[in-house]
Amino acid sequence: MDTDFAIRLMTDALFASVKIAAPILLATLVIGLVISIVQVVTQVQEMTLTFVPKLVVVVVVLVVCGAWMLSVAVELARRMFEAAAGL
C-alpha cells in the first residue's frame, strides 16, 4: 500500500462522513437559529424549548434521509473491502 492509496482511502472516508452528518447538522443548525430568534423576540428562555424541537427535527431528518445515509455508508464499506481485497 503506497501513500497515495492510503490518502485516497482516508479522503473517501472523511468525505462520506461529512455527507452522512451534513443533513442532521444543517437541520439542527437551522432549527436552533429559528428557535433562538423566537426566544429573543418573546424573551422566553426555556431550555426544553430548544431541545425538544431539535430532537424532533433530527428524528424527521433520519426518517427522510436515513436510507440515503445508509447507502452512502454501505457504498464506502464496499469500496473499502474491494480495495482491501486488491492489496
PDB file of N, CA and C in Angstrom:
ATOM      1  N   MET A   1       0.856  -1.171   0.000  1.00  0.00           N
ATOM      2  CA  MET A   1       0.000   0.000   0.000  1.00  0.00           C
ATOM      3  C   MET A   1       0.905   1.238   0.000  1.00  0.00           C
ATOM      4  N   ASP A   2       0.729   2.089  -0.997  1.00  0.00           N
ATOM      5  CA  ASP A   2       1.527   3.299  -1.053  1.00  0.00           C
ATOM      6  C   ASP A   2       0.789   4.455  -0.378  1.00  0.00           C
ATOM      7  N   THR A   3       1.452   5.565  -0.267  1.00  0.00           N
ATOM      8  CA  THR A   3       0.911   6.718   0.442  1.00  0.00           C
ATOM      9  C   THR A   3      -0.304   7.313  -0.270  1.00  0.00           C
ATOM     10  N   ASP A   4      -0.251   7.373  -1.585  1.00  0.00           N
ATOM     11  CA  ASP A   4      -1.374   7.937  -2.329  1.00  0.00           C
ATOM     12  C   ASP A   4      -2.648   7.123  -2.133  1.00  0.00           C
ATOM     13  N   PHE A   5      -2.502   5.814  -2.104  1.00  0.00           N
ATOM     14  CA  PHE A   5      -3.651   4.935  -1.896  1.00  0.00           C
ATOM     15  C   PHE A   5      -4.254   5.159  -0.509  1.00  0.00           C
ATOM     16  N   ALA A   6      -3.409   5.243   0.507  1.00  0.00           N
ATOM     17  CA  ALA A   6      -3.889   5.466   1.875  1.00  0.00           C
ATOM     18  C   ALA A   6      -4.557   6.829   2.011  1.00  0.00           C
ATOM     19  N   ILE A   7      -3.999   7.832   1.375  1.00  0.00           N
ATOM     20  CA  ILE A   7      -4.604   9.170   1.430  1.00  0.00           C
ATOM     21  C   ILE A   7      -5.946   9.174   0.727  1.00  0.00           C
ATOM     22  N   ARG A   8      -6.055   8.471  -0.392  1.00  0.00           N
ATOM     23  CA  ARG A   8      -7.324   8.396  -1.112  1.00  0.00           C
ATOM     24  C   ARG A   8      -8.396   7.696  -0.273  1.00  0.00           C
ATOM     25  N   LEU A   9      -8.012   6.611   0.409  1.00  0.00           N
ATOM     26  CA  LEU A   9      -8.973   5.919   1.279  1.00  0.00           C
ATOM     27  C   LEU A   9      -9.422   6.813   2.427  1.00  0.00           C
ATOM     28  N   MET A  10      -8.495   7.537   3.019  1.00  0.00           N
ATOM     29  CA  MET A  10      -8.834   8.432   4.128  1.00  0.00           C
ATOM     30  C   MET A  10      -9.712   9.582   3.634  1.00  0.00           C
ATOM     31  N   THR A  11      -9.412  10.100   2.459  1.00  0.00           N
ATOM     32  CA  THR A  11     -10.231  11.174   1.889  1.00  0.00           C
ATOM     33  C   THR A  11     -11.644  10.691   1.617  1.00  0.00           C
ATOM     34  N   ASP A  12     -11.774   9.493   1.058  1.00  0.00           N
ATOM     35  CA  ASP A  12     -13.103   8.928   0.805  1.00  0.00           C
ATOM     36  C   ASP A  12     -13.883   8.745   2.102  1.00  0.00           C
ATOM     37  N   ALA A  13     -13.208   8.273   3.141  1.00  0.00           N
ATOM     38  CA  ALA A  13     -13.879   8.053   4.424  1.00  0.00           C
ATOM     39  C   ALA A  13     -14.323   9.378   5.045  1.00  0.00           C
ATOM     40  N   LEU A  14     -13.473  10.382   5.002  1.00  0.00           N
ATOM     41  CA  LEU A  14     -13.837  11.677   5.571  1.00  0.00           C
ATOM     42  C   LEU A  14     -14.957  12.339   4.779  1.00  0.00           C
ATOM     43  N   PHE A  15     -14.907  12.239   3.453  1.00  0.00           N
ATOM     44  CA  PHE A  15     -15.952  12.819   2.627  1.00  0.00           C
ATOM     45  C   PHE A  15     -17.291  12.121   2.877  1.00  0.00           C
ATOM     46  N   ALA A  16     -17.268  10.810   3.028  1.00  0.00           N
ATOM     47  CA  ALA A  16     -18.503  10.069   3.316  1.00  0.00           C
ATOM     48  C   ALA A  16     -19.065  10.461   4.679  1.00  0.00           C
ATOM     49  N   SER A  17     -18.201  10.649   5.667  1.00  0.00           N
ATOM     50  CA  SER A  17     -18.692  11.039   6.991  1.00  0.00           C
ATOM     51  C   SER A  17     -19.295  12.440   6.965  1.00  0.00           C
ATOM     52  N   VAL A  18     -18.729  13.330   6.176  1.00  0.00           N
ATOM     53  CA  VAL A  18     -19.313  14.666   6.037  1.00  0.00           C
ATOM     54  C   VAL A  18     -20.665  14.588   5.339  1.00  0.00           C
ATOM     55  N   LYS A  19     -20.769  13.768   4.292  1.00  0.00           N
ATOM     56  CA  LYS A  19     -22.038  13.609   3.584  1.00  0.00           C
ATOM     57  C   LYS A  19     -23.108  13.015   4.495  1.00  0.00           C
ATOM     58  N   ILE A  20     -22.723  12.096   5.361  1.00  0.00           N
ATOM     59  CA  ILE A  20     -23.695  11.464   6.251  1.00  0.00           C
ATOM     60  C   ILE A  20     -24.143  12.416   7.352  1.00  0.00           C
ATOM     61  N   ALA A  21     -23.219  13.190   7.886  1.00  0.00           N
ATOM     62  CA  ALA A  21     -23.541  14.070   9.015  1.00  0.00           C
ATOM     63  C   ALA A  21     -24.179  15.388   8.594  1.00  0.00           C
ATOM     64  N   ALA A  22     -23.976  15.818   7.364  1.00  0.00           N
ATOM     65  CA  ALA A  22     -24.418  17.139   6.932  1.00  0.00           C
ATOM     66  C   ALA A  22     -25.926  17.380   7.077  1.00  0.00           C
ATOM     67  N   PRO A  23     -26.798  16.466   6.662  1.00  0.00           N
ATOM     68  CA  PRO A  23     -28.235  16.772   6.800  1.00  0.00           C
ATOM     69  C   PRO A  23     -28.670  16.999   8.248  1.00  0.00           C
ATOM     70  N   ILE A  24     -28.173  16.187   9.158  1.00  0.00           N
ATOM     71  CA  ILE A  24     -28.549  16.343  10.568  1.00  0.00           C
ATOM     72  C   ILE A  24     -27.987  17.641  11.128  1.00  0.00           C
ATOM     73  N   LEU A  25     -26.721  17.931  10.837  1.00  0.00           N
ATOM     74  CA  LEU A  25     -26.104  19.138  11.366  1.00  0.00           C
ATOM     75  C   LEU A  25     -26.750  20.402  10.805  1.00  0.00           C
ATOM     76  N   LEU A  26     -27.032  20.411   9.514  1.00  0.00           N
ATOM     77  CA  LEU A  26     -27.663  21.588   8.922  1.00  0.00           C
ATOM     78  C   LEU A  26     -29.080  21.797   9.449  1.00  0.00           C
ATOM     79  N   ALA A  27     -29.828  20.709   9.606  1.00  0.00           N
ATOM     80  CA  ALA A  27     -31.200  20.834  10.121  1.00  0.00           C
ATOM     81  C   ALA A  27     -31.211  21.352  11.556  1.00  0.00           C
ATOM     82  N   THR A  28     -30.321  20.835  12.400  1.00  0.00           N
ATOM     83  CA  THR A  28     -30.283  21.314  13.784  1.00  0.00           C
ATOM     84  C   THR A  28     -29.747  22.742  13.857  1.00  0.00           C
ATOM     85  N   LEU A  29     -28.858  23.108  12.953  1.00  0.00           N
ATOM     86  CA  LEU A  29     -28.374  24.486  12.911  1.00  0.00           C
ATOM     87  C   LEU A  29     -29.501  25.446  12.570  1.00  0.00           C
ATOM     88  N   VAL A  30     -30.285  25.101  11.554  1.00  0.00           N
ATOM     89  CA  VAL A  30     -31.384  25.975  11.132  1.00  0.00           C
ATOM     90  C   VAL A  30     -32.448  26.067  12.209  1.00  0.00           C
ATOM     91  N   ILE A  31     -32.861  24.941  12.763  1.00  0.00           N
ATOM     92  CA  ILE A  31     -33.907  24.979  13.787  1.00  0.00           C
ATOM     93  C   ILE A  31     -33.412  25.675  15.056  1.00  0.00           C
ATOM     94  N   GLY A  32     -32.143  25.503  15.384  1.00  0.00           N
ATOM     95  CA  GLY A  32     -31.584  26.208  16.540  1.00  0.00           C
ATOM     96  C   GLY A  32     -31.570  27.707  16.332  1.00  0.00           C
ATOM     97  N   LEU A  33     -31.239  28.141  15.132  1.00  0.00           N
ATOM     98  CA  LEU A  33     -31.245  29.568  14.824  1.00  0.00           C
ATOM     99  C   LEU A  33     -32.656  30.137  14.887  1.00  0.00           C
ATOM    100  N   VAL A  34     -33.618  29.410  14.319  1.00  0.00           N
ATOM    101  CA  VAL A  34     -35.011  29.872  14.348  1.00  0.00           C
ATOM    102  C   VAL A  34     -35.521  29.955  15.782  1.00  0.00           C
ATOM    103  N   ILE A  35     -35.238  28.958  16.576  1.00  0.00           N
ATOM    104  CA  ILE A  35     -35.708  28.956  17.970  1.00  0.00           C
ATOM    105  C   ILE A  35     -35.022  30.057  18.771  1.00  0.00           C
ATOM    106  N   SER A  36     -33.749  30.297  18.507  1.00  0.00           N
ATOM    107  CA  SER A  36     -33.053  31.378  19.201  1.00  0.00           C
ATOM    108  C   SER A  36     -33.659  32.727  18.866  1.00  0.00           C
ATOM    109  N   ILE A  37     -34.018  32.928  17.614  1.00  0.00           N
ATOM    110  CA  ILE A  37     -34.668  34.187  17.227  1.00  0.00           C
ATOM    111  C   ILE A  37     -36.023  34.324  17.910  1.00  0.00           C
ATOM    112  N   VAL A  38     -36.788  33.240  17.969  1.00  0.00           N
ATOM    113  CA  VAL A  38     -38.086  33.266  18.651  1.00  0.00           C
ATOM    114  C   VAL A  38     -37.895  33.556  20.139  1.00  0.00           C
ATOM    115  N   GLN A  39     -36.872  32.975  20.752  1.00  0.00           N
ATOM    116  CA  GLN A  39     -36.628  33.229  22.170  1.00  0.00           C
ATOM    117  C   GLN A  39     -36.226  34.679  22.428  1.00  0.00           C
ATOM    118  N   VAL A  40     -35.456  35.246  21.533  1.00  0.00           N
ATOM    119  CA  VAL A  40     -35.055  36.640  21.702  1.00  0.00           C
ATOM    120  C   VAL A  40     -36.262  37.562  21.556  1.00  0.00           C
ATOM    121  N   VAL A  41     -37.101  37.269  20.577  1.00  0.00           N
ATOM    122  CA  VAL A  41     -38.270  38.119  20.334  1.00  0.00           C
ATOM    123  C   VAL A  41     -39.266  38.015  21.484  1.00  0.00           C
ATOM    124  N   THR A  42     -39.510  36.804  21.965  1.00  0.00           N
ATOM    125  CA  THR A  42     -40.516  36.619  23.017  1.00  0.00           C
ATOM    126  C   THR A  42     -39.929  36.671  24.421  1.00  0.00           C
ATOM    127  N   GLN A  43     -38.628  36.659  24.549  1.00  0.00           N
ATOM    128  CA  GLN A  43     -37.923  36.653  25.831  1.00  0.00           C
ATOM    129  C   GLN A  43     -38.322  35.469  26.711  1.00  0.00           C
ATOM    130  N   VAL A  44     -38.603  34.345  26.077  1.00  0.00           N
ATOM    131  CA  VAL A  44     -38.875  33.102  26.786  1.00  0.00           C
ATOM    132  C   VAL A  44     -37.587  32.292  26.750  1.00  0.00           C
ATOM    133  N   GLN A  45     -36.967  32.079  27.885  1.00  0.00           N
ATOM    134  CA  GLN A  45     -35.677  31.389  27.952  1.00  0.00           C
ATOM    135  C   GLN A  45     -35.841  30.009  28.597  1.00  0.00           C
ATOM    136  N   GLU A  46     -36.600  29.168  27.964  1.00  0.00           N
ATOM    137  CA  GLU A  46     -36.833  27.814  28.465  1.00  0.00           C
ATOM    138  C   GLU A  46     -35.931  26.841  27.720  1.00  0.00           C
ATOM    139  N   MET A  47     -35.200  26.001  28.434  1.00  0.00           N
ATOM    140  CA  MET A  47     -34.243  25.079  27.821  1.00  0.00           C
ATOM    141  C   MET A  47     -34.940  23.986  27.017  1.00  0.00           C
ATOM    142  N   THR A  48     -36.101  23.542  27.467  1.00  0.00           N
ATOM    143  CA  THR A  48     -36.793  22.494  26.720  1.00  0.00           C
ATOM    144  C   THR A  48     -37.323  23.020  25.390  1.00  0.00           C
ATOM    145  N   LEU A  49     -37.481  24.319  25.287  1.00  0.00           N
ATOM    146  CA  LEU A  49     -37.938  24.917  24.038  1.00  0.00           C
ATOM    147  C   LEU A  49     -36.903  24.739  22.931  1.00  0.00           C
ATOM    148  N   THR A  50     -35.639  24.629  23.288  1.00  0.00           N
ATOM    149  CA  THR A  50     -34.601  24.403  22.277  1.00  0.00           C
ATOM    150  C   THR A  50     -34.345  22.918  22.058  1.00  0.00           C
ATOM    151  N   PHE A  51     -34.462  22.129  23.094  1.00  0.00           N
ATOM    152  CA  PHE A  51     -34.087  20.717  22.996  1.00  0.00           C
ATOM    153  C   PHE A  51     -35.120  19.880  22.247  1.00  0.00           C
ATOM    154  N   VAL A  52     -36.371  20.022  22.580  1.00  0.00           N
ATOM    155  CA  VAL A  52     -37.422  19.172  22.013  1.00  0.00           C
ATOM    156  C   VAL A  52     -37.581  19.372  20.495  1.00  0.00           C
ATOM    157  N   PRO A  53     -37.647  20.602  19.994  1.00  0.00           N
ATOM    158  CA  PRO A  53     -37.748  20.738  18.531  1.00  0.00           C
ATOM    159  C   PRO A  53     -36.527  20.199  17.783  1.00  0.00           C
ATOM    160  N   LYS A  54     -35.346  20.371  18.348  1.00  0.00           N
ATOM    161  CA  LYS A  54     -34.156  19.815  17.702  1.00  0.00           C
ATOM    162  C   LYS A  54     -34.226  18.300  17.659  1.00  0.00           C
ATOM    163  N   LEU A  55     -34.695  17.690  18.720  1.00  0.00           N
ATOM    164  CA  LEU A  55     -34.843  16.240  18.755  1.00  0.00           C
ATOM    165  C   LEU A  55     -35.852  15.774  17.709  1.00  0.00           C
ATOM    166  N   VAL A  56     -36.960  16.480  17.595  1.00  0.00           N
ATOM    167  CA  VAL A  56     -37.981  16.125  16.609  1.00  0.00           C
ATOM    168  C   VAL A  56     -37.426  16.280  15.190  1.00  0.00           C
ATOM    169  N   VAL A  57     -36.682  17.354  14.950  1.00  0.00           N
ATOM    170  CA  VAL A  57     -36.112  17.587  13.616  1.00  0.00           C
ATOM    171  C   VAL A  57     -35.092  16.513  13.270  1.00  0.00           C
ATOM    172  N   VAL A  58     -34.279  16.103  14.225  1.00  0.00           N
ATOM    173  CA  VAL A  58     -33.297  15.047  13.971  1.00  0.00           C
ATOM    174  C   VAL A  58     -34.002  13.740  13.611  1.00  0.00           C
ATOM    175  N   VAL A  59     -35.072  13.411  14.307  1.00  0.00           N
ATOM    176  CA  VAL A  59     -35.820  12.191  14.004  1.00  0.00           C
ATOM    177  C   VAL A  59     -36.433  12.276  12.604  1.00  0.00           C
ATOM    178  N   VAL A  60     -36.981  13.432  12.256  1.00  0.00           N
ATOM    179  CA  VAL A  60     -37.575  13.602  10.921  1.00  0.00           C
ATOM    180  C   VAL A  60     -36.497  13.482   9.842  1.00  0.00           C
ATOM    181  N   VAL A  61     -35.353  14.109  10.063  1.00  0.00           N
ATOM    182  CA  VAL A  61     -34.266  14.029   9.081  1.00  0.00           C
ATOM    183  C   VAL A  61     -33.783  12.588   8.939  1.00  0.00           C
ATOM    184  N   LEU A  62     -33.680  11.867  10.035  1.00  0.00           N
ATOM    185  CA  LEU A  62     -33.265  10.469   9.954  1.00  0.00           C
ATOM    186  C   LEU A  62     -34.282   9.615   9.208  1.00  0.00           C
ATOM    187  N   VAL A  63     -35.556   9.895   9.400  1.00  0.00           N
ATOM    188  CA  VAL A  63     -36.581   9.140   8.684  1.00  0.00           C
ATOM    189  C   VAL A  63     -36.532   9.463   7.188  1.00  0.00           C
ATOM    190  N   VAL A  64     -36.362  10.735   6.870  1.00  0.00           N
ATOM    191  CA  VAL A  64     -36.366  11.154   5.470  1.00  0.00           C
ATOM    192  C   VAL A  64     -35.080  10.755   4.760  1.00  0.00           C
ATOM    193  N   CYS A  65     -33.933  10.987   5.395  1.00  0.00           N
ATOM    194  CA  CYS A  65     -32.632  10.778   4.739  1.00  0.00           C
ATOM    195  C   CYS A  65     -31.909   9.521   5.195  1.00  0.00           C
ATOM    196  N   GLY A  66     -32.516   8.742   6.065  1.00  0.00           N
ATOM    197  CA  GLY A  66     -31.830   7.583   6.630  1.00  0.00           C
ATOM    198  C   GLY A  66     -31.403   6.555   5.604  1.00  0.00           C
ATOM    199  N   ALA A  67     -32.254   6.292   4.638  1.00  0.00           N
ATOM    200  CA  ALA A  67     -31.909   5.307   3.604  1.00  0.00           C
ATOM    201  C   ALA A  67     -30.736   5.785   2.766  1.00  0.00           C
ATOM    202  N   TRP A  68     -30.737   7.061   2.435  1.00  0.00           N
ATOM    203  CA  TRP A  68     -29.621   7.617   1.665  1.00  0.00           C
ATOM    204  C   TRP A  68     -28.325   7.581   2.475  1.00  0.00           C
ATOM    205  N   MET A  69     -28.404   7.926   3.759  1.00  0.00           N
ATOM    206  CA  MET A  69     -27.215   7.897   4.623  1.00  0.00           C
ATOM    207  C   MET A  69     -26.661   6.476   4.713  1.00  0.00           C
ATOM    208  N   LEU A  70     -27.548   5.513   4.859  1.00  0.00           N
ATOM    209  CA  LEU A  70     -27.120   4.121   4.931  1.00  0.00           C
ATOM    210  C   LEU A  70     -26.490   3.671   3.620  1.00  0.00           C
ATOM    211  N   SER A  71     -27.047   4.108   2.502  1.00  0.00           N
ATOM    212  CA  SER A  71     -26.465   3.722   1.215  1.00  0.00           C
ATOM    213  C   SER A  71     -25.077   4.324   1.017  1.00  0.00           C
ATOM    214  N   VAL A  72     -24.864   5.531   1.514  1.00  0.00           N
ATOM    215  CA  VAL A  72     -23.531   6.140   1.447  1.00  0.00           C
ATOM    216  C   VAL A  72     -22.542   5.337   2.284  1.00  0.00           C
ATOM    217  N   ALA A  73     -22.943   4.933   3.484  1.00  0.00           N
ATOM    218  CA  ALA A  73     -22.065   4.150   4.351  1.00  0.00           C
ATOM    219  C   ALA A  73     -21.780   2.772   3.758  1.00  0.00           C
ATOM    220  N   VAL A  74     -22.792   2.147   3.190  1.00  0.00           N
ATOM    221  CA  VAL A  74     -22.611   0.825   2.586  1.00  0.00           C
ATOM    222  C   VAL A  74     -21.695   0.918   1.370  1.00  0.00           C
ATOM    223  N   GLU A  75     -21.869   1.952   0.567  1.00  0.00           N
ATOM    224  CA  GLU A  75     -21.011   2.136  -0.607  1.00  0.00           C
ATOM    225  C   GLU A  75     -19.553   2.354  -0.190  1.00  0.00           C
ATOM    226  N   LEU A  76     -19.339   3.117   0.869  1.00  0.00           N
ATOM    227  CA  LEU A  76     -17.980   3.313   1.375  1.00  0.00           C
ATOM    228  C   LEU A  76     -17.394   1.996   1.863  1.00  0.00           C
ATOM    229  N   ALA A  77     -18.164   1.223   2.595  1.00  0.00           N
ATOM    230  CA  ALA A  77     -17.684  -0.065   3.087  1.00  0.00           C
ATOM    231  C   ALA A  77     -17.375  -1.011   1.939  1.00  0.00           C
ATOM    232  N   ARG A  78     -18.237  -1.002   0.907  1.00  0.00           N
ATOM    233  CA  ARG A  78     -17.994  -1.857  -0.252  1.00  0.00           C
ATOM    234  C   ARG A  78     -16.691  -1.476  -0.949  1.00  0.00           C
ATOM    235  N   ARG A  79     -16.459  -0.161  -1.128  1.00  0.00           N
ATOM    236  CA  ARG A  79     -15.218   0.267  -1.765  1.00  0.00           C
ATOM    237  C   ARG A  79     -13.992  -0.072  -0.917  1.00  0.00           C
ATOM    238  N   MET A  80     -14.127   0.033   0.398  1.00  0.00           N
ATOM    239  CA  MET A  80     -13.003  -0.286   1.282  1.00  0.00           C
ATOM    240  C   MET A  80     -12.671  -1.787   1.211  1.00  0.00           C
ATOM    241  N   PHE A  81     -13.708  -2.623   1.209  1.00  0.00           N
ATOM    242  CA  PHE A  81     -13.457  -4.063   1.112  1.00  0.00           C
ATOM    243  C   PHE A  81     -12.869  -4.444  -0.240  1.00  0.00           C
ATOM    244  N   GLU A  82     -13.335  -3.808  -1.302  1.00  0.00           N
ATOM    245  CA  GLU A  82     -12.764  -4.057  -2.605  1.00  0.00           C
ATOM    246  C   GLU A  82     -11.300  -3.623  -2.656  1.00  0.00           C
ATOM    247  N   ALA A  83     -10.999  -2.506  -2.038  1.00  0.00           N
ATOM    248  CA  ALA A  83      -9.604  -2.038  -2.016  1.00  0.00           C
ATOM    249  C   ALA A  83      -8.739  -2.953  -1.187  1.00  0.00           C
ATOM    250  N   ALA A  84      -9.284  -3.470  -0.073  1.00  0.00           N
ATOM    251  CA  ALA A  84      -8.520  -4.384   0.770  1.00  0.00           C
ATOM    252  C   ALA A  84      -8.290  -5.713   0.051  1.00  0.00           C
ATOM    253  N   ALA A  85      -9.256  -6.142  -0.746  1.00  0.00           N
ATOM    254  CA  ALA A  85      -9.102  -7.393  -1.468  1.00  0.00           C
ATOM    255  C   ALA A  85      -8.065  -7.268  -2.572  1.00  0.00           C
ATOM    256  N   GLY A  86      -7.892  -6.054  -3.089  1.00  0.00           N
ATOM    257  CA  GLY A  86      -6.935  -5.833  -4.155  1.00  0.00           C
ATOM    258  C   GLY A  86      -5.502  -5.672  -3.688  1.00  0.00           C
ATOM    259  N   LEU A  87      -5.281  -5.659  -2.404  1.00  0.00           N
ATOM    260  CA  LEU A  87      -3.900  -5.482  -1.892  1.00  0.00           C
ATOM    261  C   LEU A  87      -3.076  -6.734  -2.025  1.00  0.00           C
TER     262      LEU A  87
END
